[in-house]
Amino acid sequence: MTTEMRKLVEELCSPACAGRKPGTKGGDAARAAVVSALRKAGLDPHEQPVPGLHGANVIAVLPGDVERYVLVGAHFDHLGELAGQVFWGADDNAAAVGILLEVARALAAERPTGRGVILAAFDGEEPPHFTHDTMGSVFFAKHPPVPLDRIDMMSAMDLVGHTFGPAGVPDEVGASLFALGAERSEGTAAHVDSIATSEPLVRIRRADAEVIPPLSDHLAFWQRGVPFLFLTSGRSRHYHTPTDTPEKLDWPKMAATARWLERFVRETCARPPGPIPFLRHGRDDAATLRSFITITTALEPVSAEASAARETAEELLAQCDERGALPDPLRSHASMLVGMLESKLA
């Protein structure tokens, strides 16, 4: 982990940024901090004002050998102040912006081969802007800096800064980071699987994009047929509370995530030229269930409920077809298992 990543995260969670609500002095200060950090990292960021938001996305472009791109994005806004309390938003989503900075720094120092890279810090992800035209990622998708059909992969991050589970969970569980959406583009699931354990302090676990509601910046690109990968550790007990503060972040896991994402981006840039086919009806319930089984197996020594949950997941996995898809009537069961796991480990 570099001191620059930690410095940016702590600045975004400072009293000057006051929860980073768009249209406030705190939101403006946060945006200025992101611009400054990217400039120091060797990029040339610009602001993309979002009409009606009173805020702006921050965008930096690293040209490649071809006029095609990989987009890496994370929102920097949060809830601001409510009822006299500041909602600091360390995990949601300052940590992801810190990781974005680390990836940007590495790519600026040594450019990828093949595709170029667009780094985007989105504004206006939190309510009431979500899915509206005032949401930063929605506006970006409608007014991209390059033609949208030249963006071959969009990687979004949200809630990636915490250990998965409370203190005392096995390391194999705490290091979990979920990757959703790889099944929606040709070759991406195999790519993610091939490097899932390449960083010792983070374990990439694939899950189907529909296993949780699409409540982050990847949605605008999914809806427009852009291949995507959404990285998240799910909601912790500090989600959308004033207790979401930097000292609770898992800094080594964040640094490992930045290294993993840098590798994923470099290797995606180097994939054969031309569009990466989007698989609109791609499904992989089997990946979700395998990830669930791995985690509950690791939890069995410390949780009396883990064995029964694992057995249920194994029964569902046996119902998947050769493509990894559950019958439609059973798909909700996988989502319920994941929701239960997130709730128990929050």
Protein backbone atom coordinates (compact mmCIF):
# COMPACT_ATOMS: atom_id res chain seq x y z
CA MET A 1 0.00 0.00 0.00
CA THR A 2 1.32 3.43 -0.84
CA THR A 3 0.97 6.38 1.47
CA GLU A 4 -0.85 8.18 -1.36
CA MET A 5 -3.76 5.71 -1.27
CA ARG A 6 -4.18 6.07 2.47
CA LYS A 7 -3.76 9.85 2.27
CA LEU A 8 -6.54 10.15 -0.32
CA VAL A 9 -8.94 7.90 1.60
CA GLU A 10 -8.38 9.83 4.81
CA GLU A 11 -8.79 13.15 3.00
CA LEU A 12 -12.08 11.99 1.51
CA CYS A 13 -13.20 11.07 5.02
CA SER A 14 -12.04 14.34 6.59
CA PRO A 15 -14.20 17.12 8.08
CA ALA A 16 -13.37 19.26 5.02
CA CYS A 17 -15.22 16.77 2.80
CA ALA A 18 -18.00 16.33 5.40
CA GLY A 19 -19.49 13.19 3.89
CA ARG A 20 -18.99 14.21 0.22
CA LYS A 21 -22.60 14.97 -0.65
CA PRO A 22 -22.91 16.36 -4.21
CA GLY A 23 -23.65 20.06 -4.40
CA THR A 24 -22.03 20.88 -1.05
CA LYS A 25 -18.68 22.36 -0.14
CA GLY A 26 -17.71 18.91 1.08
CA GLY A 27 -18.60 17.37 -2.27
CA ASP A 28 -16.55 20.01 -4.07
CA ALA A 29 -13.60 19.42 -1.73
CA ALA A 30 -13.77 15.68 -2.36
CA ARG A 31 -13.77 16.16 -6.11
CA ALA A 32 -10.78 18.51 -5.86
CA ALA A 33 -8.93 15.92 -3.78
CA VAL A 34 -9.49 13.25 -6.43
CA VAL A 35 -8.32 15.57 -9.22
CA SER A 36 -5.19 16.49 -7.27
CA ALA A 37 -4.34 12.88 -6.44
CA LEU A 38 -4.69 11.75 -10.05
CA ARG A 39 -2.49 14.61 -11.25
CA LYS A 40 0.19 13.66 -8.75
CA ALA A 41 -0.07 10.11 -10.05
CA GLY A 42 0.93 11.29 -13.52
CA LEU A 43 -2.46 11.60 -15.21
CA ASP A 44 -4.30 14.54 -16.73
CA PRO A 45 -7.81 14.37 -15.22
CA HIS A 46 -10.72 16.56 -16.25
CA GLU A 47 -14.13 17.17 -14.75
CA GLN A 48 -17.34 16.16 -16.51
CA PRO A 49 -20.14 18.30 -15.01
CA VAL A 50 -23.39 16.42 -14.47
CA PRO A 51 -26.40 18.70 -15.09
CA GLY A 52 -28.80 18.84 -12.17
CA LEU A 53 -26.35 17.22 -9.77
CA HIS A 54 -24.27 20.30 -8.92
CA GLY A 55 -21.32 17.95 -9.09
CA ALA A 56 -19.08 16.29 -11.66
CA ASN A 57 -17.34 13.08 -12.60
CA VAL A 58 -13.54 13.06 -12.66
CA ILE A 59 -12.13 11.35 -15.75
CA ALA A 60 -8.59 10.54 -16.89
CA VAL A 61 -7.69 8.76 -20.13
CA LEU A 62 -4.56 6.75 -20.87
CA PRO A 63 -4.44 6.21 -24.66
CA GLY A 64 -3.52 2.75 -25.90
CA ASP A 65 -2.15 1.20 -29.06
CA VAL A 66 -5.69 0.89 -30.45
CA GLU A 67 -8.80 3.07 -30.13
CA ARG A 68 -10.53 0.71 -27.72
CA TYR A 69 -10.70 1.01 -23.94
CA VAL A 70 -11.07 -0.60 -20.54
CA LEU A 71 -12.96 1.59 -18.06
CA VAL A 72 -12.26 1.42 -14.32
CA GLY A 73 -14.71 3.30 -12.13
CA ALA A 74 -15.73 3.98 -8.53
CA HIS A 75 -18.01 6.63 -7.06
CA PHE A 76 -16.52 9.18 -4.66
CA ASP A 77 -19.70 10.76 -3.27
CA HIS A 78 -21.47 9.76 -0.06
CA LEU A 79 -24.42 10.85 2.10
CA GLY A 80 -23.04 14.03 3.67
CA GLU A 81 -24.53 15.15 6.99
CA LEU A 82 -27.83 13.86 8.37
CA ALA A 83 -29.43 14.85 11.67
CA GLY A 84 -26.24 16.60 12.73
CA GLN A 85 -24.00 13.59 12.10
CA VAL A 86 -21.42 13.19 9.34
CA PHE A 87 -21.57 9.99 7.32
CA TRP A 88 -17.89 9.51 6.51
CA GLY A 89 -18.22 6.76 3.90
CA ALA A 90 -14.80 5.14 4.27
CA ASP A 91 -15.87 1.77 2.85
CA ASP A 92 -18.63 3.42 0.80
CA ASN A 93 -16.77 4.40 -1.25
CA ALA A 94 -13.55 6.19 -0.37
CA ALA A 95 -11.68 2.89 -0.19
CA ALA A 96 -12.56 2.08 -3.79
CA VAL A 97 -11.39 5.53 -4.93
CA GLY A 98 -8.10 4.88 -3.13
CA ILE A 99 -7.76 1.60 -5.03
CA LEU A 100 -8.64 3.42 -8.26
CA LEU A 101 -5.77 5.82 -7.56
CA GLU A 102 -3.34 2.92 -7.01
CA VAL A 103 -4.35 1.32 -10.29
CA ALA A 104 -4.09 4.65 -12.09
CA ARG A 105 -0.61 5.29 -10.69
CA ALA A 106 0.67 1.88 -11.79
CA LEU A 107 -0.82 2.15 -15.28
CA ALA A 108 0.50 5.68 -15.80
CA ALA A 109 4.00 4.55 -14.79
CA GLU A 110 3.93 1.61 -17.19
CA ARG A 111 1.30 1.85 -19.91
CA PRO A 112 -0.61 -1.33 -20.82
CA THR A 113 -0.23 -2.80 -24.28
CA GLY A 114 -3.25 -2.91 -26.56
CA ARG A 115 -6.33 -1.06 -25.36
CA GLY A 116 -6.27 2.27 -23.58
CA VAL A 117 -7.69 2.82 -20.09
CA ILE A 118 -10.27 5.30 -18.81
CA LEU A 119 -10.23 6.01 -15.06
CA ALA A 120 -13.49 7.46 -13.76
CA ALA A 121 -14.39 8.68 -10.27
CA PHE A 122 -18.16 9.02 -10.46
CA ASP A 123 -20.25 11.53 -8.56
CA GLY A 124 -23.91 11.15 -7.56
CA GLU A 125 -24.18 7.40 -6.97
CA GLU A 126 -25.99 7.63 -3.65
CA PRO A 127 -29.74 8.33 -3.27
CA PRO A 128 -31.62 10.29 -4.50
CA HIS A 129 -29.55 10.20 -7.69
CA PHE A 130 -29.29 6.44 -8.23
CA THR A 131 -30.49 5.42 -11.74
CA HIS A 132 -31.57 9.01 -12.52
CA ASP A 133 -29.94 11.24 -15.14
CA THR A 134 -28.18 13.03 -12.27
CA MET A 135 -26.28 9.84 -11.39
CA GLY A 136 -22.69 10.30 -12.51
CA SER A 137 -22.27 6.89 -14.15
CA VAL A 138 -25.60 7.20 -15.98
CA PHE A 139 -24.57 10.58 -17.36
CA PHE A 140 -21.15 9.16 -18.33
CA ALA A 141 -22.79 6.26 -20.18
CA LYS A 142 -24.99 8.71 -22.09
CA HIS A 143 -22.13 11.16 -22.76
CA PRO A 144 -18.95 9.07 -22.81
CA PRO A 145 -15.58 10.67 -23.63
CA VAL A 146 -15.14 8.01 -26.33
CA PRO A 147 -17.87 6.17 -28.24
CA LEU A 148 -19.49 3.71 -25.86
CA ASP A 149 -19.06 0.85 -28.33
CA ARG A 150 -15.30 1.31 -28.00
CA ILE A 151 -15.38 0.50 -24.29
CA ASP A 152 -14.77 -3.25 -24.17
CA MET A 153 -14.88 -3.72 -20.39
CA MET A 154 -16.18 -1.69 -17.45
CA SER A 155 -14.93 -2.59 -13.97
CA ALA A 156 -16.74 -0.98 -11.03
CA MET A 157 -15.91 -1.12 -7.33
CA ASP A 158 -18.17 -0.55 -4.33
CA LEU A 159 -17.77 -1.59 -0.67
CA VAL A 160 -14.35 -3.14 -1.28
CA GLY A 161 -12.50 -1.80 1.77
CA HIS A 162 -13.52 -4.15 4.58
CA THR A 163 -12.70 -7.64 5.74
CA PHE A 164 -15.56 -9.96 4.81
CA GLY A 165 -17.01 -10.87 8.18
CA PRO A 166 -16.39 -9.90 11.80
CA ALA A 167 -13.17 -10.31 13.75
CA GLY A 168 -12.20 -13.94 14.13
CA VAL A 169 -13.41 -15.27 10.78
CA PRO A 170 -10.89 -17.51 9.01
CA ASP A 171 -8.49 -15.65 6.72
CA GLU A 172 -9.91 -17.58 3.76
CA VAL A 173 -13.26 -15.95 4.45
CA GLY A 174 -12.10 -12.45 5.39
CA ALA A 175 -10.06 -12.12 2.20
CA SER A 176 -13.13 -12.72 0.01
CA LEU A 177 -13.91 -10.21 -2.72
CA PHE A 178 -16.82 -11.01 -5.00
CA ALA A 179 -16.64 -10.51 -8.77
CA LEU A 180 -20.05 -10.28 -10.43
CA GLY A 181 -20.79 -10.14 -14.13
CA ALA A 182 -17.88 -12.07 -15.63
CA GLU A 183 -20.42 -14.48 -17.10
CA ARG A 184 -21.88 -11.61 -19.15
CA SER A 185 -18.94 -11.39 -21.59
CA GLU A 186 -17.03 -13.90 -23.64
CA GLY A 187 -13.87 -15.21 -22.02
CA THR A 188 -14.06 -13.05 -18.89
CA ALA A 189 -15.14 -15.78 -16.45
CA ALA A 190 -12.19 -17.96 -17.45
CA HIS A 191 -9.88 -14.94 -17.20
CA VAL A 192 -11.05 -14.06 -13.68
CA ASP A 193 -10.81 -17.68 -12.55
CA SER A 194 -7.26 -17.97 -13.88
CA ILE A 195 -6.01 -15.15 -11.61
CA ALA A 196 -8.45 -15.46 -8.71
CA THR A 197 -5.77 -16.54 -6.22
CA SER A 198 -2.85 -14.55 -7.64
CA GLU A 199 -2.76 -12.18 -4.62
CA PRO A 200 -2.42 -13.92 -1.22
CA LEU A 201 -4.37 -11.28 0.74
CA VAL A 202 -7.48 -11.24 -1.44
CA ARG A 203 -9.56 -14.10 -2.83
CA ILE A 204 -11.66 -13.32 -5.88
CA ARG A 205 -14.89 -15.27 -5.80
CA ARG A 206 -17.18 -15.17 -8.80
CA ALA A 207 -20.94 -14.82 -8.53
CA ASP A 208 -23.72 -14.28 -11.03
CA ALA A 209 -24.56 -10.62 -11.60
CA GLU A 210 -28.22 -11.16 -10.69
CA VAL A 211 -27.60 -12.71 -7.28
CA ILE A 212 -27.89 -9.27 -5.62
CA PRO A 213 -29.72 -6.13 -6.77
CA PRO A 214 -27.57 -4.08 -9.20
CA LEU A 215 -27.16 -1.09 -6.90
CA SER A 216 -23.95 0.48 -8.19
CA ASP A 217 -22.25 2.14 -11.14
CA HIS A 218 -21.99 -0.98 -13.31
CA LEU A 219 -25.75 -0.95 -13.92
CA ALA A 220 -25.69 1.85 -16.50
CA PHE A 221 -23.19 -0.12 -18.58
CA TRP A 222 -24.90 -3.48 -18.13
CA GLN A 223 -28.12 -1.95 -19.44
CA ARG A 224 -26.28 -0.71 -22.55
CA GLY A 225 -24.57 -4.00 -23.37
CA VAL A 226 -21.06 -3.08 -22.22
CA PRO A 227 -19.13 -6.01 -20.68
CA PHE A 228 -18.59 -5.40 -16.97
CA LEU A 229 -17.07 -6.77 -13.79
CA PHE A 230 -18.39 -5.55 -10.45
CA LEU A 231 -16.15 -5.99 -7.40
CA THR A 232 -17.65 -5.87 -3.90
CA SER A 233 -17.32 -7.34 -0.42
CA GLY A 234 -21.00 -6.70 0.29
CA ARG A 235 -22.45 -4.63 3.10
CA SER A 236 -20.80 -4.51 6.51
CA ARG A 237 -22.59 -3.52 9.71
CA HIS A 238 -21.22 0.02 9.22
CA TYR A 239 -22.89 0.48 5.83
CA HIS A 240 -24.60 3.89 5.58
CA THR A 241 -23.85 4.78 9.20
CA PRO A 242 -21.59 7.42 10.78
CA THR A 243 -19.33 4.58 12.00
CA ASP A 244 -18.02 3.85 8.48
CA THR A 245 -14.59 5.32 9.23
CA PRO A 246 -11.05 4.72 7.90
CA GLU A 247 -9.62 2.89 10.91
CA LYS A 248 -12.01 0.00 10.22
CA LEU A 249 -10.69 -0.58 6.70
CA ASP A 250 -8.61 -3.62 5.77
CA TRP A 251 -5.66 -1.75 4.24
CA PRO A 252 -3.61 -4.84 3.25
CA LYS A 253 -6.64 -6.32 1.47
CA MET A 254 -7.18 -3.01 -0.33
CA ALA A 255 -3.56 -2.95 -1.52
CA ALA A 256 -3.88 -6.54 -2.74
CA THR A 257 -7.13 -5.64 -4.53
CA ALA A 258 -5.36 -2.79 -6.32
CA ARG A 259 -2.61 -5.15 -7.51
CA TRP A 260 -5.17 -7.71 -8.63
CA LEU A 261 -7.24 -5.16 -10.49
CA GLU A 262 -4.16 -3.71 -12.18
CA ARG A 263 -3.34 -7.19 -13.48
CA PHE A 264 -6.91 -7.77 -14.65
CA VAL A 265 -6.91 -4.44 -16.50
CA ARG A 266 -3.52 -5.04 -18.13
CA GLU A 267 -4.52 -8.50 -19.29
CA THR A 268 -7.89 -7.25 -20.55
CA CYS A 269 -6.13 -4.48 -22.49
CA ALA A 270 -3.95 -7.15 -24.10
CA ARG A 271 -6.85 -9.40 -25.15
CA PRO A 272 -7.19 -9.81 -28.94
CA PRO A 273 -8.24 -6.57 -30.66
CA GLY A 274 -11.88 -5.89 -31.36
CA PRO A 275 -14.99 -5.83 -29.19
CA ILE A 276 -15.35 -8.33 -26.36
CA PRO A 277 -18.72 -9.98 -27.05
CA PHE A 278 -21.42 -9.16 -24.51
CA LEU A 279 -23.51 -12.15 -23.40
CA ARG A 280 -26.82 -10.57 -22.48
CA HIS A 281 -28.33 -13.84 -21.31
CA GLY A 282 -25.19 -15.23 -19.69
CA ARG A 283 -25.85 -17.11 -16.45
CA ASP A 284 -23.57 -18.72 -13.88
CA ASP A 285 -25.49 -19.72 -10.78
CA ALA A 286 -22.94 -22.51 -10.34
CA ALA A 287 -20.18 -19.95 -9.73
CA THR A 288 -22.29 -18.29 -7.03
CA LEU A 289 -22.94 -21.61 -5.32
CA ARG A 290 -19.31 -22.75 -5.51
CA SER A 291 -18.19 -19.50 -3.88
CA PHE A 292 -20.85 -19.96 -1.18
CA ILE A 293 -19.74 -23.55 -0.57
CA THR A 294 -16.08 -22.54 -0.24
CA ILE A 295 -16.93 -19.86 2.35
CA THR A 296 -19.34 -21.97 4.41
CA THR A 297 -16.87 -24.88 4.42
CA ALA A 298 -14.22 -22.56 5.88
CA LEU A 299 -16.76 -21.35 8.47
CA GLU A 300 -17.78 -24.79 9.71
CA PRO A 301 -15.22 -24.86 12.58
CA VAL A 302 -16.62 -21.58 13.97
CA SER A 303 -20.30 -21.70 12.96
CA ALA A 304 -22.89 -24.31 13.78
CA GLU A 305 -25.07 -23.09 10.91
CA ALA A 306 -22.41 -23.33 8.21
CA SER A 307 -22.76 -27.07 7.55
CA ALA A 308 -26.49 -26.89 6.86
CA ALA A 309 -26.02 -23.87 4.59
CA ARG A 310 -23.27 -25.66 2.68
CA GLU A 311 -25.44 -28.74 2.21
CA THR A 312 -28.29 -26.60 0.84
CA ALA A 313 -25.90 -24.97 -1.63
CA GLU A 314 -24.57 -28.35 -2.72
CA GLU A 315 -28.12 -29.56 -3.38
CA LEU A 316 -28.77 -26.48 -5.51
CA LEU A 317 -25.47 -26.89 -7.36
CA ALA A 318 -26.56 -30.38 -8.37
CA GLN A 319 -29.63 -28.81 -10.02
CA CYS A 320 -27.57 -26.55 -12.33
CA ASP A 321 -27.48 -27.44 -16.02
CA GLU A 322 -24.35 -27.81 -18.13
CA ARG A 323 -24.17 -24.01 -18.56
CA GLY A 324 -24.19 -23.49 -14.81
CA ALA A 325 -27.76 -22.17 -14.72
CA LEU A 326 -30.35 -23.10 -12.11
CA PRO A 327 -33.95 -23.67 -13.19
CA ASP A 328 -35.77 -20.35 -12.91
CA PRO A 329 -37.92 -21.42 -9.91
CA LEU A 330 -34.74 -22.13 -7.90
CA ARG A 331 -32.77 -18.99 -8.72
CA SER A 332 -34.25 -17.06 -5.82
CA HIS A 333 -32.93 -19.73 -3.45
CA ALA A 334 -29.35 -18.87 -4.37
CA SER A 335 -30.04 -15.19 -3.78
CA MET A 336 -31.55 -15.97 -0.38
CA LEU A 337 -28.47 -17.96 0.61
CA VAL A 338 -26.19 -15.08 -0.38
CA GLY A 339 -28.37 -12.58 1.47
CA MET A 340 -28.28 -14.74 4.57
CA LEU A 341 -24.49 -15.04 4.40
CA GLU A 342 -24.06 -11.27 4.01
CA SER A 343 -26.38 -10.65 6.98
CA LYS A 344 -24.68 -13.20 9.23
CA LEU A 345 -21.19 -11.87 8.47
CA ALA A 346 -22.00 -8.14 8.59
